[in-house]
């Protein structure tokens, strides 16, 4: 099995999905800082960018949670 095949398999695993959620959470922290700074500086364009980025993060997390459910995770938080 090649390294690329292993990497693709990891991406579709529960562990890989949890890792993706964690990575996305770090991105959310950055977006929150950006929004806070934009509000402080009254920078409307940067604030709009932060809101759009937050929406993308929320969508990404929803997709990852759906993938976890599809993988048959028995986590209580997922229902």
PDB file of N, CA and C in Angstrom:
ATOM      1  N   UNK A   1       0.847  -1.175   0.000  1.00  0.00           N
ATOM      2  CA  UNK A   1       0.000   0.000   0.000  1.00  0.00           C
ATOM      3  C   UNK A   1       0.893   1.238   0.000  1.00  0.00           C
ATOM      4  N   UNK A   2       0.649   2.135  -0.924  1.00  0.00           N
ATOM      5  CA  UNK A   2       1.489   3.326  -1.034  1.00  0.00           C
ATOM      6  C   UNK A   2       1.146   4.324   0.068  1.00  0.00           C
ATOM      7  N   UNK A   3       2.036   5.288   0.275  1.00  0.00           N
ATOM      8  CA  UNK A   3       1.823   6.311   1.295  1.00  0.00           C
ATOM      9  C   UNK A   3       0.601   7.158   0.957  1.00  0.00           C
ATOM     10  N   UNK A   4       0.377   7.414  -0.317  1.00  0.00           N
ATOM     11  CA  UNK A   4      -0.773   8.212  -0.737  1.00  0.00           C
ATOM     12  C   UNK A   4      -2.075   7.481  -0.430  1.00  0.00           C
ATOM     13  N   UNK A   5      -2.108   6.193  -0.672  1.00  0.00           N
ATOM     14  CA  UNK A   5      -3.299   5.402  -0.380  1.00  0.00           C
ATOM     15  C   UNK A   5      -3.566   5.389   1.120  1.00  0.00           C
ATOM     16  N   UNK A   6      -2.501   5.262   1.928  1.00  0.00           N
ATOM     17  CA  UNK A   6      -2.655   5.288   3.381  1.00  0.00           C
ATOM     18  C   UNK A   6      -3.187   6.640   3.832  1.00  0.00           C
ATOM     19  N   UNK A   7      -2.681   7.719   3.244  1.00  0.00           N
ATOM     20  CA  UNK A   7      -3.127   9.065   3.612  1.00  0.00           C
ATOM     21  C   UNK A   7      -4.600   9.260   3.270  1.00  0.00           C
ATOM     22  N   UNK A   8      -5.028   8.776   2.132  1.00  0.00           N
ATOM     23  CA  UNK A   8      -6.437   8.897   1.755  1.00  0.00           C
ATOM     24  C   UNK A   8      -7.313   8.088   2.702  1.00  0.00           C
ATOM     25  N   UNK A   9      -6.842   6.923   3.103  1.00  0.00           N
ATOM     26  CA  UNK A   9      -7.585   6.100   4.049  1.00  0.00           C
ATOM     27  C   UNK A   9      -7.687   6.757   5.414  1.00  0.00           C
ATOM     28  N   UNK A  10      -6.615   7.425   5.850  1.00  0.00           N
ATOM     29  CA  UNK A  10      -6.622   8.115   7.143  1.00  0.00           C
ATOM     30  C   UNK A  10      -7.622   9.265   7.130  1.00  0.00           C
ATOM     31  N   UNK A  11      -7.697   9.956   6.006  1.00  0.00           N
ATOM     32  CA  UNK A  11      -8.599  11.095   5.887  1.00  0.00           C
ATOM     33  C   UNK A  11     -10.048  10.665   6.074  1.00  0.00           C
ATOM     34  N   UNK A  12     -10.393   9.448   5.689  1.00  0.00           N
ATOM     35  CA  UNK A  12     -11.760   8.934   5.810  1.00  0.00           C
ATOM     36  C   UNK A  12     -11.969   8.138   7.094  1.00  0.00           C
ATOM     37  N   UNK A  13     -10.994   8.130   7.987  1.00  0.00           N
ATOM     38  CA  UNK A  13     -11.127   7.381   9.234  1.00  0.00           C
ATOM     39  C   UNK A  13     -11.690   8.283  10.331  1.00  0.00           C
ATOM     40  N   UNK A  14     -12.141   7.662  11.426  1.00  0.00           N
ATOM     41  CA  UNK A  14     -12.638   8.436  12.562  1.00  0.00           C
ATOM     42  C   UNK A  14     -11.539   9.334  13.114  1.00  0.00           C
ATOM     43  N   UNK A  15     -10.349   8.791  13.243  1.00  0.00           N
ATOM     44  CA  UNK A  15      -9.233   9.565  13.776  1.00  0.00           C
ATOM     45  C   UNK A  15      -8.928  10.761  12.883  1.00  0.00           C
ATOM     46  N   UNK A  16      -8.903  10.541  11.593  1.00  0.00           N
ATOM     47  CA  UNK A  16      -8.648  11.629  10.654  1.00  0.00           C
ATOM     48  C   UNK A  16      -9.730  12.689  10.696  1.00  0.00           C
ATOM     49  N   UNK A  17     -10.968  12.261  10.884  1.00  0.00           N
ATOM     50  CA  UNK A  17     -12.082  13.201  10.961  1.00  0.00           C
ATOM     51  C   UNK A  17     -12.001  14.021  12.244  1.00  0.00           C
ATOM     52  N   UNK A  18     -11.680  13.366  13.366  1.00  0.00           N
ATOM     53  CA  UNK A  18     -11.499  14.109  14.617  1.00  0.00           C
ATOM     54  C   UNK A  18     -10.356  15.116  14.488  1.00  0.00           C
ATOM     55  N   UNK A  19      -9.288  14.718  13.831  1.00  0.00           N
ATOM     56  CA  UNK A  19      -8.152  15.614  13.624  1.00  0.00           C
ATOM     57  C   UNK A  19      -8.575  16.812  12.775  1.00  0.00           C
ATOM     58  N   UNK A  20      -9.386  16.582  11.779  1.00  0.00           N
ATOM     59  CA  UNK A  20      -9.889  17.672  10.940  1.00  0.00           C
ATOM     60  C   UNK A  20     -10.761  18.635  11.741  1.00  0.00           C
ATOM     61  N   UNK A  21     -11.584  18.102  12.630  1.00  0.00           N
ATOM     62  CA  UNK A  21     -12.424  18.952  13.478  1.00  0.00           C
ATOM     63  C   UNK A  21     -11.539  19.809  14.381  1.00  0.00           C
ATOM     64  N   UNK A  22     -10.514  19.213  14.953  1.00  0.00           N
ATOM     65  CA  UNK A  22      -9.591  19.968  15.812  1.00  0.00           C
ATOM     66  C   UNK A  22      -8.878  21.070  15.053  1.00  0.00           C
ATOM     67  N   UNK A  23      -8.435  20.756  13.852  1.00  0.00           N
ATOM     68  CA  UNK A  23      -7.759  21.746  13.021  1.00  0.00           C
ATOM     69  C   UNK A  23      -8.711  22.886  12.676  1.00  0.00           C
ATOM     70  N   UNK A  24      -9.939  22.547  12.387  1.00  0.00           N
ATOM     71  CA  UNK A  24     -10.945  23.558  12.071  1.00  0.00           C
ATOM     72  C   UNK A  24     -11.214  24.441  13.283  1.00  0.00           C
ATOM     73  N   UNK A  25     -11.193  23.867  14.479  1.00  0.00           N
ATOM     74  CA  UNK A  25     -11.412  24.650  15.699  1.00  0.00           C
ATOM     75  C   UNK A  25     -10.317  25.707  15.870  1.00  0.00           C
ATOM     76  N   UNK A  26      -9.076  25.356  15.530  1.00  0.00           N
ATOM     77  CA  UNK A  26      -8.004  26.353  15.593  1.00  0.00           C
ATOM     78  C   UNK A  26      -8.251  27.479  14.594  1.00  0.00           C
ATOM     79  N   UNK A  27      -8.798  27.149  13.443  1.00  0.00           N
ATOM     80  CA  UNK A  27      -9.152  28.179  12.464  1.00  0.00           C
ATOM     81  C   UNK A  27     -10.239  29.098  12.991  1.00  0.00           C
ATOM     82  N   UNK A  28     -11.163  28.540  13.763  1.00  0.00           N
ATOM     83  CA  UNK A  28     -12.245  29.340  14.340  1.00  0.00           C
ATOM     84  C   UNK A  28     -11.691  30.367  15.326  1.00  0.00           C
ATOM     85  N   UNK A  29     -10.680  29.989  16.086  1.00  0.00           N
ATOM     86  CA  UNK A  29     -10.057  30.929  17.025  1.00  0.00           C
ATOM     87  C   UNK A  29      -9.476  32.115  16.267  1.00  0.00           C
ATOM     88  N   UNK A  30      -8.824  31.851  15.162  1.00  0.00           N
ATOM     89  CA  UNK A  30      -8.249  32.911  14.340  1.00  0.00           C
ATOM     90  C   UNK A  30      -9.331  33.839  13.794  1.00  0.00           C
ATOM     91  N   UNK A  31     -10.440  33.265  13.350  1.00  0.00           N
ATOM     92  CA  UNK A  31     -11.538  34.064  12.807  1.00  0.00           C
ATOM     93  C   UNK A  31     -12.149  34.938  13.906  1.00  0.00           C
ATOM     94  N   UNK A  32     -12.284  34.397  15.111  1.00  0.00           N
ATOM     95  CA  UNK A  32     -12.819  35.188  16.218  1.00  0.00           C
ATOM     96  C   UNK A  32     -11.918  36.382  16.535  1.00  0.00           C
ATOM     97  N   UNK A  33     -10.607  36.154  16.512  1.00  0.00           N
ATOM     98  CA  UNK A  33      -9.661  37.251  16.741  1.00  0.00           C
ATOM     99  C   UNK A  33      -9.784  38.301  15.642  1.00  0.00           C
ATOM    100  N   UNK A  34      -9.927  37.843  14.405  1.00  0.00           N
ATOM    101  CA  UNK A  34     -10.071  38.759  13.274  1.00  0.00           C
ATOM    102  C   UNK A  34     -11.342  39.598  13.429  1.00  0.00           C
ATOM    103  N   UNK A  35     -12.436  38.972  13.836  1.00  0.00           N
ATOM    104  CA  UNK A  35     -13.700  39.687  14.010  1.00  0.00           C
ATOM    105  C   UNK A  35     -13.602  40.712  15.141  1.00  0.00           C
ATOM    106  N   UNK A  36     -12.973  40.322  16.218  1.00  0.00           N
ATOM    107  CA  UNK A  36     -12.809  41.228  17.355  1.00  0.00           C
ATOM    108  C   UNK A  36     -11.993  42.461  16.954  1.00  0.00           C
ATOM    109  N   UNK A  37     -10.905  42.223  16.236  1.00  0.00           N
ATOM    110  CA  UNK A  37     -10.054  43.327  15.785  1.00  0.00           C
ATOM    111  C   UNK A  37     -10.816  44.223  14.804  1.00  0.00           C
ATOM    112  N   UNK A  38     -11.586  43.622  13.917  1.00  0.00           N
ATOM    113  CA  UNK A  38     -12.341  44.389  12.925  1.00  0.00           C
ATOM    114  C   UNK A  38     -13.390  45.266  13.616  1.00  0.00           C
ATOM    115  N   UNK A  39     -14.038  44.731  14.619  1.00  0.00           N
ATOM    116  CA  UNK A  39     -15.029  45.528  15.349  1.00  0.00           C
ATOM    117  C   UNK A  39     -14.370  46.680  16.084  1.00  0.00           C
ATOM    118  N   UNK A  40     -13.220  46.405  16.695  1.00  0.00           N
ATOM    119  CA  UNK A  40     -12.491  47.443  17.432  1.00  0.00           C
ATOM    120  C   UNK A  40     -12.043  48.570  16.495  1.00  0.00           C
ATOM    121  N   UNK A  41     -11.602  48.202  15.288  1.00  0.00           N
ATOM    122  CA  UNK A  41     -11.104  49.179  14.314  1.00  0.00           C
ATOM    123  C   UNK A  41     -12.215  49.724  13.408  1.00  0.00           C
ATOM    124  N   UNK A  42     -13.448  49.267  13.610  1.00  0.00           N
ATOM    125  CA  UNK A  42     -14.587  49.679  12.775  1.00  0.00           C
ATOM    126  C   UNK A  42     -14.312  49.408  11.293  1.00  0.00           C
ATOM    127  N   UNK A  43     -13.727  48.237  11.020  1.00  0.00           N
ATOM    128  CA  UNK A  43     -13.388  47.828   9.648  1.00  0.00           C
ATOM    129  C   UNK A  43     -14.478  46.882   9.150  1.00  0.00           C
ATOM    130  N   UNK A  44     -15.443  47.439   8.439  1.00  0.00           N
ATOM    131  CA  UNK A  44     -16.605  46.673   7.996  1.00  0.00           C
ATOM    132  C   UNK A  44     -16.224  45.544   7.041  1.00  0.00           C
ATOM    133  N   UNK A  45     -15.332  45.817   6.116  1.00  0.00           N
ATOM    134  CA  UNK A  45     -14.950  44.797   5.139  1.00  0.00           C
ATOM    135  C   UNK A  45     -14.277  43.605   5.820  1.00  0.00           C
ATOM    136  N   UNK A  46     -13.391  43.872   6.767  1.00  0.00           N
ATOM    137  CA  UNK A  46     -12.723  42.774   7.491  1.00  0.00           C
ATOM    138  C   UNK A  46     -13.733  42.009   8.353  1.00  0.00           C
ATOM    139  N   UNK A  47     -14.708  42.713   8.896  1.00  0.00           N
ATOM    140  CA  UNK A  47     -15.745  42.052   9.692  1.00  0.00           C
ATOM    141  C   UNK A  47     -16.597  41.133   8.811  1.00  0.00           C
ATOM    142  N   UNK A  48     -16.944  41.601   7.623  1.00  0.00           N
ATOM    143  CA  UNK A  48     -17.702  40.763   6.680  1.00  0.00           C
ATOM    144  C   UNK A  48     -16.888  39.525   6.313  1.00  0.00           C
ATOM    145  N   UNK A  49     -15.589  39.702   6.100  1.00  0.00           N
ATOM    146  CA  UNK A  49     -14.717  38.568   5.793  1.00  0.00           C
ATOM    147  C   UNK A  49     -14.718  37.559   6.938  1.00  0.00           C
ATOM    148  N   UNK A  50     -14.685  38.046   8.169  1.00  0.00           N
ATOM    149  CA  UNK A  50     -14.695  37.154   9.328  1.00  0.00           C
ATOM    150  C   UNK A  50     -16.016  36.393   9.421  1.00  0.00           C
ATOM    151  N   UNK A  51     -17.119  37.063   9.135  1.00  0.00           N
ATOM    152  CA  UNK A  51     -18.433  36.411   9.184  1.00  0.00           C
ATOM    153  C   UNK A  51     -18.538  35.320   8.118  1.00  0.00           C
ATOM    154  N   UNK A  52     -18.065  35.627   6.911  1.00  0.00           N
ATOM    155  CA  UNK A  52     -18.099  34.632   5.837  1.00  0.00           C
ATOM    156  C   UNK A  52     -17.192  33.443   6.192  1.00  0.00           C
ATOM    157  N   UNK A  53     -16.024  33.733   6.750  1.00  0.00           N
ATOM    158  CA  UNK A  53     -15.109  32.660   7.160  1.00  0.00           C
ATOM    159  C   UNK A  53     -15.737  31.802   8.258  1.00  0.00           C
ATOM    160  N   UNK A  54     -16.429  32.442   9.194  1.00  0.00           N
ATOM    161  CA  UNK A  54     -17.094  31.694  10.270  1.00  0.00           C
ATOM    162  C   UNK A  54     -18.180  30.785   9.704  1.00  0.00           C
ATOM    163  N   UNK A  55     -18.907  31.275   8.707  1.00  0.00           N
ATOM    164  CA  UNK A  55     -19.934  30.446   8.074  1.00  0.00           C
ATOM    165  C   UNK A  55     -19.305  29.238   7.387  1.00  0.00           C
ATOM    166  N   UNK A  56     -18.163  29.451   6.741  1.00  0.00           N
ATOM    167  CA  UNK A  56     -17.464  28.338   6.083  1.00  0.00           C
ATOM    168  C   UNK A  56     -16.983  27.319   7.114  1.00  0.00           C
ATOM    169  N   UNK A  57     -16.499  27.799   8.241  1.00  0.00           N
ATOM    170  CA  UNK A  57     -16.039  26.892   9.303  1.00  0.00           C
ATOM    171  C   UNK A  57     -17.216  26.089   9.853  1.00  0.00           C
ATOM    172  N   UNK A  58     -18.336  26.767  10.088  1.00  0.00           N
ATOM    173  CA  UNK A  58     -19.519  26.070  10.611  1.00  0.00           C
ATOM    174  C   UNK A  58     -19.994  24.987   9.641  1.00  0.00           C
ATOM    175  N   UNK A  59     -19.983  25.311   8.357  1.00  0.00           N
ATOM    176  CA  UNK A  59     -20.378  24.334   7.344  1.00  0.00           C
ATOM    177  C   UNK A  59     -19.405  23.155   7.325  1.00  0.00           C
ATOM    178  N   UNK A  60     -18.123  23.466   7.411  1.00  0.00           N
ATOM    179  CA  UNK A  60     -17.103  22.410   7.419  1.00  0.00           C
ATOM    180  C   UNK A  60     -17.246  21.473   8.602  1.00  0.00           C
ATOM    181  N   UNK A  61     -17.497  22.037   9.777  1.00  0.00           N
ATOM    182  CA  UNK A  61     -17.684  21.205  10.966  1.00  0.00           C
ATOM    183  C   UNK A  61     -18.941  20.343  10.826  1.00  0.00           C
ATOM    184  N   UNK A  62     -20.007  20.925  10.288  1.00  0.00           N
ATOM    185  CA  UNK A  62     -21.234  20.144  10.074  1.00  0.00           C
ATOM    186  C   UNK A  62     -20.981  18.964   9.137  1.00  0.00           C
ATOM    187  N   UNK A  63     -20.216  19.199   8.089  1.00  0.00           N
ATOM    188  CA  UNK A  63     -19.889  18.110   7.162  1.00  0.00           C
ATOM    189  C   UNK A  63     -19.038  17.041   7.843  1.00  0.00           C
ATOM    190  N   UNK A  64     -18.091  17.470   8.676  1.00  0.00           N
ATOM    191  CA  UNK A  64     -17.244  16.511   9.386  1.00  0.00           C
ATOM    192  C   UNK A  64     -18.061  15.695  10.388  1.00  0.00           C
ATOM    193  N   UNK A  65     -18.997  16.345  11.075  1.00  0.00           N
ATOM    194  CA  UNK A  65     -19.851  15.610  12.011  1.00  0.00           C
ATOM    195  C   UNK A  65     -20.726  14.600  11.271  1.00  0.00           C
ATOM    196  N   UNK A  66     -21.209  14.992  10.097  1.00  0.00           N
ATOM    197  CA  UNK A  66     -21.993  14.055   9.287  1.00  0.00           C
ATOM    198  C   UNK A  66     -21.129  12.859   8.875  1.00  0.00           C
ATOM    199  N   UNK A  67     -19.874  13.129   8.541  1.00  0.00           N
ATOM    200  CA  UNK A  67     -18.956  12.045   8.168  1.00  0.00           C
ATOM    201  C   UNK A  67     -18.723  11.107   9.349  1.00  0.00           C
ATOM    202  N   UNK A  68     -18.570  11.673  10.553  1.00  0.00           N
ATOM    203  CA  UNK A  68     -18.412  10.827  11.740  1.00  0.00           C
ATOM    204  C   UNK A  68     -19.631   9.938  11.939  1.00  0.00           C
ATOM    205  N   UNK A  69     -20.797  10.524  11.767  1.00  0.00           N
ATOM    206  CA  UNK A  69     -22.024   9.738  11.920  1.00  0.00           C
ATOM    207  C   UNK A  69     -22.071   8.621  10.879  1.00  0.00           C
ATOM    208  N   UNK A  70     -21.658   8.935   9.665  1.00  0.00           N
ATOM    209  CA  UNK A  70     -21.639   7.939   8.603  1.00  0.00           C
ATOM    210  C   UNK A  70     -20.663   6.803   8.919  1.00  0.00           C
ATOM    211  N   UNK A  71     -19.568   7.157   9.585  1.00  0.00           N
ATOM    212  CA  UNK A  71     -18.578   6.134   9.950  1.00  0.00           C
ATOM    213  C   UNK A  71     -19.031   5.271  11.118  1.00  0.00           C
ATOM    214  N   UNK A  72     -20.190   5.615  11.696  1.00  0.00           N
ATOM    215  CA  UNK A  72     -20.747   4.773  12.746  1.00  0.00           C
ATOM    216  C   UNK A  72     -20.194   5.073  14.120  1.00  0.00           C
ATOM    217  N   UNK A  73     -19.828   6.318  14.361  1.00  0.00           N
ATOM    218  CA  UNK A  73     -19.322   6.697  15.675  1.00  0.00           C
ATOM    219  C   UNK A  73     -20.463   6.651  16.694  1.00  0.00           C
ATOM    220  N   UNK A  74     -20.206   6.074  17.851  1.00  0.00           N
ATOM    221  CA  UNK A  74     -21.229   5.931  18.887  1.00  0.00           C
ATOM    222  C   UNK A  74     -21.126   7.030  19.947  1.00  0.00           C
ATOM    223  N   UNK A  75     -20.545   8.144  19.608  1.00  0.00           N
ATOM    224  CA  UNK A  75     -20.380   9.249  20.537  1.00  0.00           C
ATOM    225  C   UNK A  75     -21.739   9.790  20.967  1.00  0.00           C
ATOM    226  N   UNK A  76     -21.908  10.044  22.244  1.00  0.00           N
ATOM    227  CA  UNK A  76     -23.164  10.528  22.787  1.00  0.00           C
ATOM    228  C   UNK A  76     -23.522  11.889  22.209  1.00  0.00           C
ATOM    229  N   UNK A  77     -22.534  12.727  21.961  1.00  0.00           N
ATOM    230  CA  UNK A  77     -22.779  14.076  21.467  1.00  0.00           C
ATOM    231  C   UNK A  77     -23.389  14.079  20.051  1.00  0.00           C
ATOM    232  N   UNK A  78     -23.188  13.035  19.305  1.00  0.00           N
ATOM    233  CA  UNK A  78     -23.669  13.005  17.931  1.00  0.00           C
ATOM    234  C   UNK A  78     -25.101  12.503  17.806  1.00  0.00           C
ATOM    235  N   UNK A  79     -25.643  12.001  18.870  1.00  0.00           N
ATOM    236  CA  UNK A  79     -27.043  11.541  18.842  1.00  0.00           C
ATOM    237  C   UNK A  79     -27.193  10.209  18.317  1.00  0.00           C
TER     238      UNK A  79
END
